[in-house]
Amino acid sequence: MKFLIIQTAFPGDVILTLPLVQALKKQYPSSEADFLCIPKTAGLLEGNPYIRNVIVYDKRSTDRTVSSFFKLVGRIKSERYNYIFGVQRYLRTTLMAYLGKNGRTISYKNSALSFLYTDTVNYADKHEILRVLDLIKPIGINANEIIRPELFPSEKEVRKTDEIVKGLNIKSRKELVCIAPGSVWYTKRFPKEKFRNLINLCSDDGFKIALIGGDDDTELCGDLAGNSANNEVYNFAGKLSFLESAELIKRSGVLVTNDSAPLHLGYAAGTKVIALFGSTVKGFGFYPAGKGDSVFEVNGLDCRPCTNHGKDYCKIKTLDCFNRIDEKEIYAEIKKTLSNLA
């Protein structure tokens, strides 16, 4: 039995697709599963024992040509997969599955040109993990509970995290708060000044702050680290891989994050997540699903949600969806969480 999972979206989407692979391998232990993703997300899959091959497709750069696309389709066709799962609903995914098929192809009813798939399922209003798991129902696997994604940092990545924790003189998870202040989208970023206020509040109880994020978050995190009243703020943005970030989150008592990829890293790591939702809402299905996880959001705004993914600007110029969230309440949740840790 051979499977191909196609998910060429953002890092968070890849993390939330991993339970599908885990469920397939549980049902078919001797099966082989390959995962097709973009270069940015391939690192999330390193060391994953459930995945045989990671097929990297650079849809924004080197692989954009028609000849490169058909070369990839030829590779997919040659593998003779029994099942291809199109997790992403865009046209390119549909064409990959249709042109590369040897067996059955499965996606959602609202996928582009969905009639080209042999099987389709409803794109239901539920957590994204449950939506993804619906894709394996046509082959007789009924996974009706959320499965926590598994990530597999290498020994080298674990040792690097050990050194970080030792360097920060962390004796207990109760001392460390991870904060991920970045997002690709302006309307999904909790305002910098409010993050700074939150960081300063944390100094009152001696909590140490680890700022995490990608290369694009380096400037933001540097500003927060260099211009706060808290002397225990450490900037790791752009310095850690996805798996190293997950391992550092695992060593912390709580993660505060926007509705972005670190939210899902936190869930995979098993650390309490405090998620800040601005222009997006829990109803989209990308909320933290861990026991005790919490979401701060402003309900009752006529303008919210203003988009599925986020915008580069606030259309009413107030960003009320974030500005009406009181950072003192977030801090109270942080303090309660850390005090309840064993």
Protein backbone atom coordinates (compact mmCIF):
# COMPACT_ATOMS: atom_id res chain seq x y z
CA MET A 1 0.00 0.00 0.00
CA LYS A 2 1.46 3.35 -1.07
CA PHE A 3 0.13 6.78 -0.20
CA LEU A 4 0.95 10.31 -1.34
CA ILE A 5 -0.14 13.34 0.67
CA ILE A 6 -0.02 16.67 -1.19
CA GLN A 7 0.10 19.75 1.07
CA THR A 8 1.96 22.71 -0.41
CA ALA A 9 0.57 25.38 1.92
CA PHE A 10 2.03 27.08 5.00
CA PRO A 11 3.93 25.44 7.90
CA GLY A 12 0.87 25.37 10.15
CA ASP A 13 -1.12 23.55 7.48
CA VAL A 14 1.60 20.91 7.17
CA ILE A 15 1.64 20.35 10.94
CA LEU A 16 -2.13 19.89 10.97
CA THR A 17 -1.87 17.37 8.13
CA LEU A 18 0.51 15.07 10.03
CA PRO A 19 -2.31 13.29 11.93
CA LEU A 20 -3.50 11.94 8.57
CA VAL A 21 -0.12 10.26 8.04
CA GLN A 22 -0.14 8.95 11.62
CA ALA A 23 -3.63 7.47 11.20
CA LEU A 24 -2.69 5.81 7.90
CA LYS A 25 0.40 4.19 9.41
CA LYS A 26 -1.58 2.99 12.42
CA GLN A 27 -4.13 1.31 10.16
CA TYR A 28 -1.55 0.04 7.64
CA PRO A 29 1.77 -0.40 9.50
CA SER A 30 3.60 -1.84 6.49
CA SER A 31 2.41 0.89 4.10
CA GLU A 32 4.65 3.57 2.57
CA ALA A 33 3.66 7.22 2.76
CA ASP A 34 5.27 10.06 0.82
CA PHE A 35 4.62 13.76 1.50
CA LEU A 36 4.78 16.51 -1.13
CA CYS A 37 5.42 20.01 0.24
CA ILE A 38 7.26 23.26 -0.47
CA PRO A 39 10.90 23.92 0.56
CA LYS A 40 9.90 26.15 3.48
CA THR A 41 8.00 23.36 5.22
CA ALA A 42 10.21 20.36 4.44
CA GLY A 43 12.16 20.80 7.67
CA LEU A 44 9.05 19.99 9.68
CA LEU A 45 9.12 16.47 8.27
CA GLU A 46 12.76 15.65 8.99
CA GLY A 47 13.22 12.46 10.99
CA ASN A 48 9.54 11.53 10.71
CA PRO A 49 9.39 7.71 10.80
CA TYR A 50 5.91 7.66 9.27
CA ILE A 51 7.10 9.26 6.03
CA ARG A 52 9.21 7.40 3.47
CA ASN A 53 10.03 10.27 1.13
CA VAL A 54 9.59 14.03 1.30
CA ILE A 55 9.03 15.37 -2.21
CA VAL A 56 9.90 19.05 -2.37
CA TYR A 57 8.11 21.19 -4.93
CA ASP A 58 9.19 24.83 -5.22
CA LYS A 59 5.99 26.24 -6.67
CA ARG A 60 7.18 29.85 -6.37
CA SER A 61 10.62 29.58 -7.93
CA THR A 62 12.61 26.87 -9.67
CA ASP A 63 9.69 24.50 -10.33
CA ARG A 64 7.24 27.01 -11.80
CA THR A 65 7.83 26.02 -15.42
CA VAL A 66 5.44 23.74 -17.28
CA SER A 67 8.24 21.25 -17.95
CA SER A 68 9.11 21.08 -14.24
CA PHE A 69 5.47 20.50 -13.35
CA PHE A 70 5.12 17.62 -15.80
CA LYS A 71 8.41 16.16 -14.61
CA LEU A 72 6.96 16.09 -11.11
CA VAL A 73 3.73 14.55 -12.39
CA GLY A 74 5.79 11.88 -14.14
CA ARG A 75 7.54 11.08 -10.87
CA ILE A 76 4.20 10.80 -9.08
CA LYS A 77 2.84 8.55 -11.83
CA SER A 78 5.90 6.28 -11.69
CA GLU A 79 5.44 5.64 -7.96
CA ARG A 80 2.06 4.01 -8.66
CA TYR A 81 0.42 5.25 -5.48
CA ASN A 82 -2.71 3.41 -4.38
CA TYR A 83 -4.10 6.62 -2.92
CA ILE A 84 -3.30 10.29 -3.42
CA PHE A 85 -4.72 12.76 -0.91
CA GLY A 86 -5.10 16.35 -2.09
CA VAL A 87 -5.20 18.21 1.20
CA GLN A 88 -4.84 21.61 -0.40
CA ARG A 89 -7.88 22.59 -2.45
CA TYR A 90 -6.16 24.55 -5.23
CA LEU A 91 -6.05 23.78 -8.93
CA ARG A 92 -2.39 22.77 -8.99
CA THR A 93 -2.98 20.06 -6.37
CA THR A 94 -5.96 18.73 -8.30
CA LEU A 95 -3.94 18.51 -11.51
CA MET A 96 -1.05 16.76 -9.74
CA ALA A 97 -3.41 14.15 -8.34
CA TYR A 98 -5.36 13.67 -11.57
CA LEU A 99 -2.41 13.46 -13.95
CA GLY A 100 -0.30 11.37 -11.57
CA LYS A 101 -2.91 8.87 -10.46
CA ASN A 102 -2.78 5.10 -10.73
CA GLY A 103 -5.36 4.38 -8.05
CA ARG A 104 -7.83 6.51 -6.14
CA THR A 105 -7.52 10.24 -5.52
CA ILE A 106 -9.28 11.95 -2.62
CA SER A 107 -9.94 15.58 -1.76
CA TYR A 108 -12.79 17.92 -0.75
CA LYS A 109 -15.99 18.65 -2.60
CA ASN A 110 -15.04 22.34 -2.76
CA SER A 111 -11.57 21.72 -4.21
CA ALA A 112 -10.81 23.21 -7.60
CA LEU A 113 -12.17 20.91 -10.37
CA SER A 114 -13.19 18.44 -7.67
CA PHE A 115 -14.89 16.22 -10.29
CA LEU A 116 -11.42 15.09 -11.34
CA TYR A 117 -10.96 13.25 -8.03
CA THR A 118 -12.27 9.71 -7.70
CA ASP A 119 -13.59 10.48 -4.18
CA THR A 120 -14.52 13.69 -2.40
CA VAL A 121 -15.66 14.54 1.13
CA ASN A 122 -17.37 17.56 2.64
CA TYR A 123 -15.22 20.44 3.86
CA ALA A 124 -16.99 20.66 7.21
CA ASP A 125 -17.03 23.35 9.90
CA LYS A 126 -14.77 21.64 12.43
CA HIS A 127 -11.15 21.68 13.60
CA GLU A 128 -8.72 21.43 10.68
CA ILE A 129 -7.27 18.16 11.97
CA LEU A 130 -10.72 16.57 11.89
CA ARG A 131 -11.29 17.97 8.39
CA VAL A 132 -8.03 16.45 7.21
CA LEU A 133 -8.87 13.12 8.84
CA ASP A 134 -12.16 13.09 6.92
CA LEU A 135 -10.06 12.48 3.80
CA ILE A 136 -9.32 8.91 4.89
CA LYS A 137 -12.97 7.98 5.49
CA PRO A 138 -13.44 6.85 1.85
CA ILE A 139 -10.87 4.11 2.49
CA GLY A 140 -12.60 2.94 5.64
CA ILE A 141 -10.66 4.75 8.38
CA ASN A 142 -12.97 6.63 10.71
CA ALA A 143 -10.86 8.89 12.91
CA ASN A 144 -13.40 11.03 14.75
CA GLU A 145 -11.16 12.46 17.46
CA ILE A 146 -8.37 15.00 17.13
CA ILE A 147 -4.94 13.37 16.92
CA ARG A 148 -1.99 15.39 18.19
CA PRO A 149 0.64 15.93 15.45
CA GLU A 150 4.02 14.36 16.12
CA LEU A 151 7.33 16.09 15.36
CA PHE A 152 10.74 14.47 15.62
CA PRO A 153 13.67 16.77 16.48
CA SER A 154 17.07 15.14 15.96
CA GLU A 155 19.53 14.49 18.78
CA LYS A 156 21.53 17.47 17.54
CA GLU A 157 18.48 19.73 17.76
CA VAL A 158 17.67 18.46 21.24
CA ARG A 159 21.24 19.08 22.38
CA LYS A 160 21.11 22.62 20.98
CA THR A 161 17.95 23.26 22.97
CA ASP A 162 19.60 21.78 26.08
CA GLU A 163 22.38 24.33 25.68
CA ILE A 164 19.90 27.19 25.27
CA VAL A 165 18.00 26.24 28.42
CA LYS A 166 21.24 25.82 30.33
CA GLY A 167 22.48 29.20 29.08
CA LEU A 168 19.30 30.88 30.27
CA ASN A 169 19.74 29.20 33.65
CA ILE A 170 16.28 27.66 33.45
CA LYS A 171 15.68 25.21 36.28
CA SER A 172 11.97 24.63 35.63
CA ARG A 173 9.41 25.10 32.85
CA LYS A 174 7.60 27.43 35.26
CA GLU A 175 10.29 30.06 34.64
CA LEU A 176 10.08 30.25 30.85
CA VAL A 177 7.45 31.88 28.63
CA CYS A 178 7.72 31.50 24.83
CA ILE A 179 6.25 34.33 22.79
CA ALA A 180 5.78 34.23 19.01
CA PRO A 181 4.80 37.81 18.06
CA GLY A 182 5.02 37.52 14.27
CA SER A 183 2.70 36.72 11.39
CA VAL A 184 2.79 37.20 7.65
CA TRP A 185 -0.38 39.29 7.93
CA TYR A 186 -0.79 42.65 9.70
CA THR A 187 -4.31 41.84 10.91
CA LYS A 188 -3.07 38.64 12.56
CA ARG A 189 -0.27 40.37 14.51
CA PHE A 190 -1.06 41.46 18.05
CA PRO A 191 0.30 45.05 18.20
CA LYS A 192 3.96 45.42 19.10
CA GLU A 193 3.30 47.86 21.94
CA LYS A 194 0.81 45.49 23.52
CA PHE A 195 3.34 42.65 23.29
CA ARG A 196 5.91 44.95 24.90
CA ASN A 197 3.49 45.70 27.74
CA LEU A 198 2.90 41.98 28.21
CA ILE A 199 6.64 41.29 28.32
CA ASN A 200 7.13 44.03 30.90
CA LEU A 201 4.36 42.57 33.06
CA CYS A 202 6.17 39.24 33.03
CA SER A 203 9.20 40.87 34.67
CA ASP A 204 7.15 41.49 37.81
CA ASP A 205 7.28 37.79 38.65
CA GLY A 206 10.70 37.04 37.22
CA PHE A 207 9.52 35.07 34.21
CA LYS A 208 12.06 34.73 31.42
CA ILE A 209 10.92 35.37 27.85
CA ALA A 210 12.06 33.48 24.75
CA LEU A 211 10.99 35.22 21.52
CA ILE A 212 10.66 32.85 18.57
CA GLY A 213 9.87 33.23 14.89
CA GLY A 214 11.34 33.04 11.43
CA ASP A 215 13.75 35.30 9.57
CA ASP A 216 10.95 37.75 8.82
CA ASP A 217 10.35 38.21 12.55
CA THR A 218 13.94 39.07 13.44
CA GLU A 219 13.45 42.84 13.40
CA LEU A 220 10.20 42.72 15.39
CA CYS A 221 11.65 40.39 18.03
CA GLY A 222 14.87 42.42 18.19
CA ASP A 223 12.86 45.56 18.86
CA LEU A 224 10.87 43.84 21.62
CA ALA A 225 14.00 42.42 23.23
CA GLY A 226 15.95 45.67 23.05
CA ASN A 227 13.25 48.10 24.09
CA SER A 228 11.48 46.48 27.00
CA ALA A 229 11.87 47.02 30.73
CA ASN A 230 12.30 43.27 31.21
CA ASN A 231 15.98 42.27 31.40
CA GLU A 232 15.20 38.60 30.82
CA VAL A 233 14.08 38.74 27.17
CA TYR A 234 15.97 36.59 24.67
CA ASN A 235 15.56 36.80 20.91
CA PHE A 236 15.74 33.50 19.01
CA ALA A 237 13.87 34.65 15.90
CA GLY A 238 15.62 33.43 12.77
CA LYS A 239 18.06 31.36 14.83
CA LEU A 240 16.11 28.14 15.24
CA SER A 241 14.68 25.59 12.84
CA PHE A 242 11.02 24.61 13.12
CA LEU A 243 11.95 21.51 15.08
CA GLU A 244 14.31 23.44 17.36
CA SER A 245 11.54 25.95 18.00
CA ALA A 246 9.17 23.12 18.86
CA GLU A 247 11.72 21.69 21.28
CA LEU A 248 12.20 25.08 22.97
CA ILE A 249 8.43 25.49 23.26
CA LYS A 250 8.32 22.05 24.84
CA ARG A 251 10.75 23.25 27.54
CA SER A 252 8.60 26.31 28.33
CA GLY A 253 5.58 26.49 30.59
CA VAL A 254 3.38 28.38 28.15
CA LEU A 255 3.39 29.72 24.59
CA VAL A 256 1.75 33.03 23.66
CA THR A 257 1.21 33.30 19.93
CA ASN A 258 -0.84 34.85 17.17
CA ASP A 259 -2.97 32.70 14.88
CA SER A 260 0.10 31.47 13.03
CA ALA A 261 2.40 28.43 12.66
CA PRO A 262 3.87 28.57 16.21
CA LEU A 263 0.35 27.94 17.54
CA HIS A 264 0.44 24.51 15.94
CA LEU A 265 4.05 23.90 16.97
CA GLY A 266 2.88 24.51 20.54
CA TYR A 267 0.05 22.02 20.23
CA ALA A 268 2.41 19.41 18.77
CA ALA A 269 4.89 20.05 21.60
CA GLY A 270 2.19 19.56 24.23
CA THR A 271 2.74 22.96 25.83
CA LYS A 272 -0.16 25.15 26.97
CA VAL A 273 -1.04 27.60 24.18
CA ILE A 274 -2.49 31.07 24.64
CA ALA A 275 -3.61 32.14 21.16
CA LEU A 276 -4.43 35.71 20.15
CA PHE A 277 -7.00 35.96 17.36
CA GLY A 278 -7.55 39.23 15.52
CA SER A 279 -9.14 39.28 12.07
CA THR A 280 -9.58 35.49 12.02
CA VAL A 281 -11.90 33.42 14.22
CA LYS A 282 -11.93 30.00 15.87
CA GLY A 283 -14.72 28.97 13.51
CA PHE A 284 -12.20 28.62 10.68
CA GLY A 285 -10.89 25.54 12.50
CA PHE A 286 -7.31 26.53 13.26
CA TYR A 287 -7.60 27.08 17.01
CA PRO A 288 -5.40 25.33 19.61
CA ALA A 289 -6.92 21.98 20.59
CA GLY A 290 -4.91 21.09 23.68
CA LYS A 291 -6.53 20.61 27.07
CA GLY A 292 -6.43 23.95 28.87
CA ASP A 293 -5.41 25.94 25.79
CA SER A 294 -7.09 29.33 25.54
CA VAL A 295 -7.99 31.91 22.92
CA PHE A 296 -8.20 35.67 23.43
CA GLU A 297 -10.43 37.39 20.91
CA VAL A 298 -13.00 40.19 20.66
CA ASN A 299 -16.44 38.87 19.85
CA GLY A 300 -19.32 40.91 18.48
CA LEU A 301 -17.41 43.07 16.00
CA ASP A 302 -19.31 43.59 12.74
CA CYS A 303 -16.03 43.65 10.81
CA ARG A 304 -14.75 40.33 12.15
CA PRO A 305 -13.77 38.09 10.48
CA CYS A 306 -12.66 40.31 7.63
CA THR A 307 -10.78 37.57 5.78
CA ASN A 308 -9.91 33.88 5.89
CA HIS A 309 -6.17 34.35 6.09
CA GLY A 310 -5.40 37.92 7.13
CA LYS A 311 -4.82 41.29 5.48
CA ASP A 312 -1.98 43.77 5.11
CA TYR A 313 -4.17 46.54 6.53
CA CYS A 314 -7.22 47.07 8.74
CA LYS A 315 -10.06 48.21 6.51
CA ILE A 316 -11.60 50.35 9.27
CA LYS A 317 -8.17 51.54 10.49
CA THR A 318 -8.80 50.73 14.18
CA LEU A 319 -7.61 47.11 14.57
CA ASP A 320 -10.25 46.82 17.29
CA CYS A 321 -10.03 43.04 17.02
CA PHE A 322 -6.68 43.29 18.83
CA ASN A 323 -6.69 46.69 20.51
CA ARG A 324 -9.69 45.74 22.65
CA ILE A 325 -7.81 42.76 24.12
CA ASP A 326 -6.34 43.67 27.51
CA GLU A 327 -2.77 42.41 27.89
CA LYS A 328 -3.27 42.35 31.66
CA GLU A 329 -5.82 39.59 31.17
CA ILE A 330 -3.35 37.65 29.02
CA TYR A 331 -0.74 38.04 31.73
CA ALA A 332 -3.19 36.77 34.35
CA GLU A 333 -3.66 33.64 32.23
CA ILE A 334 0.12 33.20 31.90
CA LYS A 335 0.56 33.54 35.65
CA LYS A 336 -2.26 31.08 36.40
CA THR A 337 -0.85 28.55 33.93
CA LEU A 338 2.67 28.66 35.32
CA SER A 339 1.52 28.51 38.92
CA ASN A 340 -0.44 25.31 38.16
CA LEU A 341 2.52 23.49 36.62
CA ALA A 342 3.96 20.65 38.65
